[in-house]
Amino acid sequence: MSVPPATLSAHQLEGVAAALTSALHRPVGRLDASVITGGRSNVTYRITDGVHHWVLRTPPRAGRTPSAHDIGREHRVTTALRGSRVPVAEAVLLHADEQLLGGPFAVSTFVDGRVVRTREDLADLGDCEIDQIVASMLGALIALHRFDYVSAGLADFGRPEGYAARQLRRWAKQWNLTGNPALQPLADEVVLSLSRRVPGQPASAVVHGDYRIDNTILDTAEVRAVVDWELSTIGDPVADMAMMCAYRDPAFDLIMGFPSAWTSDRLPSPDRLAAMYVEAGGCELAHWDFHLALANFKIAAIAAGIDHRRRSGADSGPGFDTAADAVPRYLELAREALPRAAR
C-alpha cells in the first residue's frame, strides 16, 4: 500500500522551479515541498522557496478513475473566477506534461488561513463564528451561481443543459468501475429510480461539485478561498446545495476517517441549510428530492472510488480503510430521498 511521498525529489523540484519561472513566478531560492494532508483525490503539496509559497496539485499515481482527478478543470475555473466575488487562490500554471512528476500538475498561490476539517477544529469556534462561517459559505456559493460564466470565457466549460442526466450517467459508470458487487442490486435500483425522474433544468451556472466547510480556507469567520475544483463544470446550481446537504450525514465521517466538522450538530440541519440558501438570494431549489437522491448516490460512488484506490495500493491513511462502510448508507439515503411511487 503506497502513500504520497513526503516531498518531491531534487530533480522534480528543479523542474517545478523551471515551470514557475516560465510562468513569471521565479523562485528566489531552492524549493522545498511537503504534503498537505486532508485530500481524498488529488495529491497536494505546499511548495516554498523560503519567501514565497505555492500549492501544487497532481493526480494519484495509481487507482485513478476517469475524470475524477481533473486538475485542468481546477486551473481553468479558478483562472476565470479570479477577481470575481467568488474567493479563490490565484492560478499560477498548469503543466500538462506527465514526465516530470508522473502526471500533470497545477500550481496556485498559497492562501494562508484556517481549514476547519475536524470536530476538534470546530470546537475552537464559538456559535456566532460558526453562524458567520455558514453565512459566508452560502454567500460564496450564491456568488458562484450568479457568476457570468459566458462573459468569463467558460461557455464551453460544460453543456448548460442536461446536467442531471449527464451526472447520473457519469456516476453510474464510475460505480460500475469501482463499486462493491454485493451492493450492485441496491445501486441498480437507485440508478433506475433516478433515471425515471430526471428533471428539467431551470437554470445553469458554474457548479463546484464538492462544496462543504473543509473545501474552504477561512480568515476568522470569512471564506478567503474556495478550493478543490476538480469536479466543477457548468450545470444545475441546485446540485451544489444538494451535495452540501448530503455531506451532513454522519456516514460522511467514515469517508473522512474521523469525526468531521461538517457532520457536527452545531451546524444547521440539511433542511435549514437549504432554506438559508434560498433566503440569502440563491436560486429556487427545484426538483429537490431528485437532486438530494442523486447527491447521495454520487457520494456512495465517491466512497467506492476511495476504497478502490486503497485496494489498488494507491492510497492509505484516515478514511481509506472505512470509506467502504459508508457506501451502503449513502445508497440507502439515495433510495429514501425519492418518493416510493418513483421507484
Protein backbone atom coordinates (compact mmCIF):
# COMPACT_ATOMS: atom_id res chain seq x y z
CA MET A 1 0.00 0.00 0.00
CA SER A 2 1.56 3.30 -1.05
CA VAL A 3 1.27 6.85 0.22
CA PRO A 4 2.28 10.15 -1.39
CA PRO A 5 5.99 10.84 -0.83
CA ALA A 6 6.54 13.36 1.96
CA THR A 7 8.46 15.50 -0.50
CA LEU A 8 9.44 15.66 -4.16
CA SER A 9 12.92 14.74 -5.39
CA ALA A 10 15.55 17.38 -6.09
CA HIS A 11 15.18 16.71 -9.81
CA GLN A 12 11.42 17.11 -9.65
CA LEU A 13 11.69 20.33 -7.66
CA GLU A 14 14.14 21.72 -10.20
CA GLY A 15 11.56 21.03 -12.90
CA VAL A 16 8.82 22.70 -10.85
CA ALA A 17 11.11 25.71 -10.36
CA ALA A 18 11.63 25.92 -14.12
CA ALA A 19 7.88 25.78 -14.69
CA LEU A 20 7.33 28.54 -12.12
CA THR A 21 9.99 30.68 -13.77
CA SER A 22 8.30 30.27 -17.15
CA ALA A 23 5.05 31.43 -15.52
CA LEU A 24 6.80 34.58 -14.21
CA HIS A 25 6.93 33.29 -10.63
CA ARG A 26 10.68 32.75 -10.44
CA PRO A 27 11.73 31.23 -7.09
CA VAL A 28 14.36 33.15 -5.17
CA GLY A 29 15.98 30.01 -3.80
CA ARG A 30 15.87 26.23 -3.75
CA LEU A 31 12.38 24.79 -3.46
CA ASP A 32 11.16 22.56 -0.66
CA ALA A 33 7.93 20.55 -0.69
CA SER A 34 5.70 18.95 1.94
CA VAL A 35 2.40 17.12 1.65
CA ILE A 36 -0.75 18.96 2.70
CA THR A 37 -2.98 16.35 4.31
CA GLY A 38 -6.74 16.06 4.11
CA GLY A 39 -7.38 15.30 0.45
CA ARG A 40 -9.08 12.14 -0.81
CA SER A 41 -8.44 12.62 -4.52
CA ASN A 42 -5.50 14.66 -5.81
CA VAL A 43 -2.15 14.79 -4.02
CA THR A 44 -1.43 18.28 -2.68
CA TYR A 45 1.97 19.75 -1.81
CA ARG A 46 3.00 23.04 -0.29
CA ILE A 47 5.99 24.42 -2.22
CA THR A 48 8.23 27.17 -0.87
CA ASP A 49 11.48 28.93 -1.72
CA GLY A 50 11.69 30.30 1.81
CA VAL A 51 9.99 33.54 0.84
CA HIS A 52 7.09 32.65 -1.44
CA HIS A 53 4.61 29.81 -1.01
CA TRP A 54 2.62 27.88 -3.59
CA VAL A 55 0.31 24.86 -3.71
CA LEU A 56 0.96 22.07 -6.22
CA ARG A 57 -1.75 19.53 -7.01
CA THR A 58 -1.30 16.38 -9.04
CA PRO A 59 -3.39 13.21 -9.52
CA PRO A 60 -2.56 9.98 -7.65
CA ARG A 61 -0.20 7.65 -9.46
CA ALA A 62 -2.43 4.59 -9.26
CA GLY A 63 -6.12 3.76 -8.96
CA ARG A 64 -7.26 6.75 -11.00
CA THR A 65 -10.82 6.77 -12.26
CA PRO A 66 -11.92 8.69 -15.37
CA SER A 67 -12.47 12.45 -14.85
CA ALA A 68 -12.18 12.15 -11.05
CA HIS A 69 -8.83 13.96 -10.72
CA ASP A 70 -9.09 16.69 -13.35
CA ILE A 71 -6.64 19.38 -12.24
CA GLY A 72 -7.03 21.04 -15.65
CA ARG A 73 -10.59 21.92 -14.71
CA GLU A 74 -9.41 23.35 -11.40
CA HIS A 75 -6.88 25.55 -13.13
CA ARG A 76 -9.25 26.82 -15.77
CA VAL A 77 -12.16 27.68 -13.49
CA THR A 78 -10.03 29.38 -10.83
CA THR A 79 -8.32 31.41 -13.55
CA ALA A 80 -11.73 32.58 -14.78
CA LEU A 81 -13.02 33.32 -11.26
CA ARG A 82 -10.02 35.43 -10.23
CA GLY A 83 -11.24 38.94 -9.40
CA SER A 84 -14.87 37.87 -9.07
CA ARG A 85 -16.94 37.79 -5.88
CA VAL A 86 -16.02 34.12 -5.52
CA PRO A 87 -12.84 33.89 -3.41
CA VAL A 88 -10.20 31.65 -4.99
CA ALA A 89 -6.44 31.22 -4.89
CA GLU A 90 -4.55 32.76 -7.81
CA ALA A 91 -3.94 30.14 -10.51
CA VAL A 92 -0.25 30.19 -11.49
CA LEU A 93 0.33 27.43 -14.03
CA LEU A 94 -0.88 24.15 -15.50
CA HIS A 95 1.84 21.69 -16.54
CA ALA A 96 0.30 19.03 -18.78
CA ASP A 97 3.49 17.06 -19.49
CA GLU A 98 3.44 13.97 -17.24
CA GLN A 99 7.15 13.13 -17.49
CA LEU A 100 8.36 15.25 -14.58
CA LEU A 101 6.04 14.05 -11.79
CA GLY A 102 4.38 11.07 -13.43
CA GLY A 103 1.21 13.07 -14.01
CA PRO A 104 0.12 16.60 -14.87
CA PHE A 105 0.23 19.22 -12.14
CA ALA A 106 -1.19 22.63 -11.40
CA VAL A 107 0.26 25.33 -9.17
CA SER A 108 -1.60 28.14 -7.40
CA THR A 109 -0.60 30.71 -4.80
CA PHE A 110 -0.79 29.56 -1.18
CA VAL A 111 -3.68 31.11 0.74
CA ASP A 112 -2.92 31.39 4.42
CA GLY A 113 -5.85 30.76 6.73
CA ARG A 114 -7.75 28.22 8.78
CA VAL A 115 -9.09 24.95 7.41
CA VAL A 116 -11.88 23.57 9.59
CA ARG A 117 -11.81 19.86 8.94
CA THR A 118 -12.37 18.00 12.20
CA ARG A 119 -14.85 18.21 15.07
CA GLU A 120 -11.89 19.34 17.17
CA ASP A 121 -11.26 22.24 14.77
CA LEU A 122 -14.89 23.24 15.15
CA ALA A 123 -14.64 23.16 18.94
CA ASP A 124 -12.30 26.15 18.78
CA LEU A 125 -15.10 28.27 17.30
CA GLY A 126 -17.98 29.96 19.09
CA ASP A 127 -21.57 29.63 17.92
CA CYS A 128 -21.57 33.16 16.47
CA GLU A 129 -18.40 32.41 14.47
CA ILE A 130 -19.96 29.22 13.12
CA ASP A 131 -23.06 31.13 12.06
CA GLN A 132 -20.87 33.68 10.27
CA ILE A 133 -18.86 30.96 8.53
CA VAL A 134 -22.01 29.25 7.27
CA ALA A 135 -23.36 32.60 6.05
CA SER A 136 -20.06 33.35 4.28
CA MET A 137 -20.03 29.89 2.68
CA LEU A 138 -23.56 30.35 1.38
CA GLY A 139 -22.68 33.83 0.12
CA ALA A 140 -19.70 32.46 -1.81
CA LEU A 141 -21.84 29.69 -3.31
CA ILE A 142 -24.56 32.14 -4.33
CA ALA A 143 -21.90 34.38 -5.92
CA LEU A 144 -20.64 31.36 -7.87
CA HIS A 145 -24.13 30.51 -9.09
CA ARG A 146 -24.64 34.13 -10.20
CA PHE A 147 -21.25 34.34 -11.94
CA ASP A 148 -21.46 35.26 -15.64
CA TYR A 149 -19.53 32.29 -16.92
CA VAL A 150 -20.13 33.10 -20.60
CA SER A 151 -18.50 36.52 -20.33
CA ALA A 152 -15.65 34.93 -18.38
CA GLY A 153 -14.86 32.55 -21.25
CA LEU A 154 -16.37 29.42 -19.72
CA ALA A 155 -19.17 28.91 -22.23
CA ASP A 156 -17.55 25.62 -23.29
CA PHE A 157 -16.64 24.54 -19.74
CA GLY A 158 -19.69 22.27 -19.80
CA ARG A 159 -23.01 21.95 -21.53
CA PRO A 160 -25.58 24.29 -19.98
CA GLU A 161 -28.49 21.82 -20.16
CA GLY A 162 -29.00 18.18 -19.25
CA TYR A 163 -26.66 18.28 -16.26
CA ALA A 164 -28.64 15.83 -14.11
CA ALA A 165 -28.80 13.18 -16.82
CA ARG A 166 -25.07 13.51 -17.52
CA GLN A 167 -24.21 13.30 -13.83
CA LEU A 168 -26.34 10.19 -13.42
CA ARG A 169 -24.62 8.51 -16.38
CA ARG A 170 -21.18 9.53 -15.20
CA TRP A 171 -21.53 8.35 -11.61
CA ALA A 172 -23.36 5.17 -12.60
CA LYS A 173 -20.40 4.42 -14.88
CA GLN A 174 -17.94 5.17 -12.10
CA TRP A 175 -19.92 2.95 -9.74
CA ASN A 176 -19.70 0.13 -12.25
CA LEU A 177 -15.92 0.58 -12.32
CA THR A 178 -15.34 0.66 -8.57
CA GLY A 179 -18.48 -0.39 -6.68
CA ASN A 180 -18.86 -3.45 -4.47
CA PRO A 181 -20.63 -6.19 -6.49
CA ALA A 182 -22.56 -7.19 -3.36
CA LEU A 183 -24.25 -3.78 -3.40
CA GLN A 184 -24.98 -3.83 -7.12
CA PRO A 185 -28.71 -4.67 -6.76
CA LEU A 186 -29.28 -1.66 -4.49
CA ALA A 187 -27.20 0.59 -6.76
CA ASP A 188 -29.13 -0.64 -9.79
CA GLU A 189 -32.42 0.14 -8.03
CA VAL A 190 -31.25 3.67 -7.21
CA VAL A 191 -29.99 4.33 -10.73
CA LEU A 192 -33.21 3.02 -12.28
CA SER A 193 -35.33 5.15 -9.93
CA LEU A 194 -33.28 8.24 -10.72
CA SER A 195 -33.37 7.60 -14.45
CA ARG A 196 -37.18 7.57 -14.34
CA ARG A 197 -37.30 11.01 -12.71
CA VAL A 198 -34.58 13.07 -14.43
CA PRO A 199 -35.96 16.63 -14.28
CA GLY A 200 -35.64 19.64 -16.48
CA GLN A 201 -33.12 22.32 -15.61
CA PRO A 202 -34.49 25.81 -14.88
CA ALA A 203 -31.05 27.46 -14.53
CA SER A 204 -27.41 26.92 -15.44
CA ALA A 205 -24.33 28.06 -13.55
CA VAL A 206 -20.79 27.10 -12.65
CA VAL A 207 -21.15 24.38 -10.02
CA HIS A 208 -18.36 23.44 -7.64
CA GLY A 209 -19.47 19.83 -7.23
CA ASP A 210 -17.89 19.19 -3.81
CA TYR A 211 -18.84 22.10 -1.57
CA ARG A 212 -18.50 21.90 2.22
CA ILE A 213 -16.59 23.61 5.01
CA ASP A 214 -13.28 21.75 4.63
CA ASN A 215 -13.06 22.79 0.98
CA THR A 216 -12.75 26.40 2.07
CA ILE A 217 -9.91 28.38 3.65
CA LEU A 218 -11.12 30.77 6.34
CA ASP A 219 -9.91 34.07 7.74
CA THR A 220 -11.60 34.25 11.14
CA ALA A 221 -15.22 33.69 10.04
CA GLU A 222 -14.97 34.66 6.36
CA VAL A 223 -14.17 32.45 3.38
CA ARG A 224 -10.81 33.54 1.94
CA ALA A 225 -10.71 30.87 -0.76
CA VAL A 226 -12.84 28.02 -2.08
CA VAL A 227 -10.61 25.08 -3.06
CA ASP A 228 -10.82 21.63 -4.71
CA TRP A 229 -12.49 22.50 -8.01
CA GLU A 230 -11.76 19.26 -9.89
CA LEU A 231 -15.47 18.34 -10.15
CA SER A 232 -16.56 21.79 -11.30
CA THR A 233 -18.49 22.28 -14.54
CA ILE A 234 -21.48 24.11 -15.98
CA GLY A 235 -24.61 22.58 -14.53
CA ASP A 236 -27.64 22.88 -12.31
CA PRO A 237 -26.90 25.02 -9.23
CA VAL A 238 -29.41 23.00 -7.18
CA ALA A 239 -26.93 20.13 -7.33
CA ASP A 240 -24.35 22.08 -5.33
CA MET A 241 -26.76 22.65 -2.47
CA ALA A 242 -27.85 19.01 -2.59
CA MET A 243 -24.25 17.80 -2.25
CA MET A 244 -23.60 20.29 0.54
CA CYS A 245 -26.61 18.90 2.43
CA ALA A 246 -25.93 15.22 1.69
CA TYR A 247 -22.45 15.52 3.18
CA ARG A 248 -24.07 16.43 6.52
CA ASP A 249 -24.98 12.79 7.25
CA PRO A 250 -22.83 11.16 9.99
CA ALA A 251 -21.78 8.46 7.50
CA PHE A 252 -19.51 11.06 5.95
CA ASP A 253 -17.22 10.58 8.97
CA LEU A 254 -16.43 7.10 7.63
CA ILE A 255 -15.15 8.67 4.42
CA MET A 256 -13.08 11.26 6.25
CA GLY A 257 -11.81 8.75 8.80
CA PHE A 258 -12.54 10.96 11.81
CA PRO A 259 -15.39 12.99 13.35
CA SER A 260 -15.65 15.70 10.73
CA ALA A 261 -16.63 19.30 11.29
CA TRP A 262 -19.28 19.18 8.58
CA THR A 263 -21.33 16.44 10.27
CA SER A 264 -21.49 18.27 13.62
CA ASP A 265 -24.92 19.06 15.04
CA ARG A 266 -23.61 22.57 15.78
CA LEU A 267 -24.16 23.33 12.11
CA PRO A 268 -27.58 23.90 10.53
CA SER A 269 -29.55 20.82 9.54
CA PRO A 270 -29.69 19.96 5.83
CA ASP A 271 -33.23 21.35 5.57
CA ARG A 272 -32.19 24.56 7.32
CA LEU A 273 -29.11 24.94 5.11
CA ALA A 274 -31.27 24.66 2.01
CA ALA A 275 -33.72 27.23 3.37
CA MET A 276 -30.89 29.63 4.30
CA TYR A 277 -29.51 29.43 0.76
CA VAL A 278 -32.85 30.44 -0.73
CA GLU A 279 -33.40 33.15 1.89
CA ALA A 280 -29.97 34.65 1.14
CA GLY A 281 -30.80 35.02 -2.56
CA GLY A 282 -29.90 31.64 -4.02
CA CYS A 283 -31.83 30.03 -6.83
CA GLU A 284 -35.06 28.13 -6.31
CA LEU A 285 -34.31 24.56 -5.27
CA ALA A 286 -36.42 22.92 -7.95
CA HIS A 287 -36.74 19.11 -8.03
CA TRP A 288 -35.05 18.93 -4.63
CA ASP A 289 -35.86 15.26 -3.87
CA PHE A 290 -34.24 14.14 -7.11
CA HIS A 291 -31.09 16.21 -6.59
CA LEU A 292 -30.73 15.06 -2.98
CA ALA A 293 -31.07 11.42 -4.07
CA LEU A 294 -28.51 11.91 -6.84
CA ALA A 295 -26.14 13.64 -4.40
CA ASN A 296 -26.30 10.67 -2.03
CA PHE A 297 -25.66 8.26 -4.89
CA LYS A 298 -22.66 10.35 -6.02
CA ILE A 299 -21.18 10.24 -2.51
CA ALA A 300 -21.66 6.46 -2.47
CA ALA A 301 -19.73 6.28 -5.75
CA ILE A 302 -17.03 8.62 -4.42
CA ALA A 303 -16.61 6.44 -1.31
CA ALA A 304 -16.43 3.35 -3.51
CA GLY A 305 -13.73 5.07 -5.57
CA ILE A 306 -11.69 5.84 -2.45
CA ASP A 307 -11.89 2.19 -1.43
CA HIS A 308 -10.93 1.20 -4.98
CA ARG A 309 -7.75 3.28 -4.73
CA ARG A 310 -6.98 1.75 -1.35
CA ARG A 311 -7.35 -1.75 -2.73
CA SER A 312 -5.16 -0.84 -5.70
CA GLY A 313 -2.41 0.25 -3.32
CA ALA A 314 -2.59 3.88 -4.43
CA ASP A 315 -3.54 5.45 -1.10
CA SER A 316 -3.72 4.89 2.63
CA GLY A 317 -4.48 6.97 5.68
CA PRO A 318 -7.56 8.16 7.58
CA GLY A 319 -10.79 7.16 5.88
CA PHE A 320 -9.33 4.88 3.26
CA ASP A 321 -10.00 1.75 5.33
CA THR A 322 -13.53 2.84 6.37
CA ALA A 323 -14.89 4.61 3.26
CA ALA A 324 -16.39 1.34 2.02
CA ASP A 325 -18.56 1.21 5.15
CA ALA A 326 -20.24 4.49 4.12
CA VAL A 327 -21.34 3.16 0.75
CA PRO A 328 -24.47 1.17 1.79
CA ARG A 329 -25.67 4.04 3.99
CA TYR A 330 -25.46 6.55 1.14
CA LEU A 331 -27.15 4.17 -1.27
CA GLU A 332 -29.99 3.78 1.23
CA LEU A 333 -30.22 7.57 1.66
CA ALA A 334 -30.47 7.90 -2.11
CA ARG A 335 -33.30 5.38 -2.23
CA GLU A 336 -35.13 7.03 0.68
CA ALA A 337 -34.92 10.52 -0.86
CA LEU A 338 -37.10 9.50 -3.78
CA PRO A 339 -40.88 9.11 -3.36
CA ARG A 340 -41.89 5.46 -3.36
CA ALA A 341 -44.05 5.96 -6.46
CA ALA A 342 -40.96 6.89 -8.45
CA ARG A 343 -39.02 3.71 -7.59
